[in-house]
Every structure is written in C-alpha cells, then in structure tokens.
Amino acid sequence: MSALIVPAVELKTSRTIVLAFIKLVVIVLNVL
C-alpha cells in the first residue's frame, strides 16, 4: 500500500513545485 502512496505523494509535490515556479515566472514577467 505504502509503495503506491509514496510515488503519488512525490508526484504531487513535484507538480506543486512546478506550478509555484510557473506562478513565480508569471509574476516576474508582469513586473518587468
């Protein structure tokens, strides 16, 4: 069970990081 949960959590975490990075890029572009 945990073998299935861990990759899902890692995938969700990496997706959250990517989305946060994209938001940061958009904010920087808007400021410039």
C-alpha atoms as a PDB file:
ATOM      1  CA  MET A   1       0.000   0.000   0.000  1.00  0.00           C
ATOM      2  CA  SER A   2       2.710   2.472   1.019  1.00  0.00           C
ATOM      3  CA  ALA A   3       4.610   1.519  -2.141  1.00  0.00           C
ATOM      4  CA  LEU A   4       1.767   3.084  -4.149  1.00  0.00           C
ATOM      5  CA  ILE A   5       1.273   6.100  -1.871  1.00  0.00           C
ATOM      6  CA  VAL A   6       4.890   7.309  -1.838  1.00  0.00           C
ATOM      7  CA  PRO A   7       5.259   7.852  -5.632  1.00  0.00           C
ATOM      8  CA  ALA A   8       1.869   9.581  -5.716  1.00  0.00           C
ATOM      9  CA  VAL A   9       2.929  11.979  -2.948  1.00  0.00           C
ATOM     10  CA  GLU A  10       6.254  12.675  -4.701  1.00  0.00           C
ATOM     11  CA  LEU A  11       4.434  13.315  -7.980  1.00  0.00           C
ATOM     12  CA  LYS A  12       2.006  15.704  -6.284  1.00  0.00           C
ATOM     13  CA  THR A  13       4.874  17.502  -4.539  1.00  0.00           C
ATOM     14  CA  SER A  14       6.864  17.945  -7.746  1.00  0.00           C
ATOM     15  CA  ARG A  15       3.735  19.215  -9.512  1.00  0.00           C
ATOM     16  CA  THR A  16       3.160  21.748  -6.745  1.00  0.00           C
ATOM     17  CA  ILE A  17       6.772  22.936  -7.088  1.00  0.00           C
ATOM     18  CA  VAL A  18       6.397  23.269 -10.865  1.00  0.00           C
ATOM     19  CA  LEU A  19       3.143  25.230 -10.516  1.00  0.00           C
ATOM     20  CA  ALA A  20       4.715  27.519  -7.905  1.00  0.00           C
ATOM     21  CA  PHE A  21       7.694  28.080 -10.235  1.00  0.00           C
ATOM     22  CA  ILE A  22       5.383  28.935 -13.152  1.00  0.00           C
ATOM     23  CA  LYS A  23       3.463  31.411 -10.962  1.00  0.00           C
ATOM     24  CA  LEU A  24       6.768  32.996  -9.933  1.00  0.00           C
ATOM     25  CA  VAL A  25       7.832  33.351 -13.585  1.00  0.00           C
ATOM     26  CA  VAL A  26       4.471  34.921 -14.494  1.00  0.00           C
ATOM     27  CA  ILE A  27       4.768  37.414 -11.609  1.00  0.00           C
ATOM     28  CA  VAL A  28       8.321  38.350 -12.640  1.00  0.00           C
ATOM     29  CA  LEU A  29       7.239  38.848 -16.264  1.00  0.00           C
ATOM     30  CA  ASN A  30       4.339  41.042 -15.128  1.00  0.00           C
ATOM     31  CA  VAL A  31       6.667  43.173 -13.005  1.00  0.00           C
ATOM     32  CA  LEU A  32       9.038  43.616 -15.953  1.00  0.00           C
END
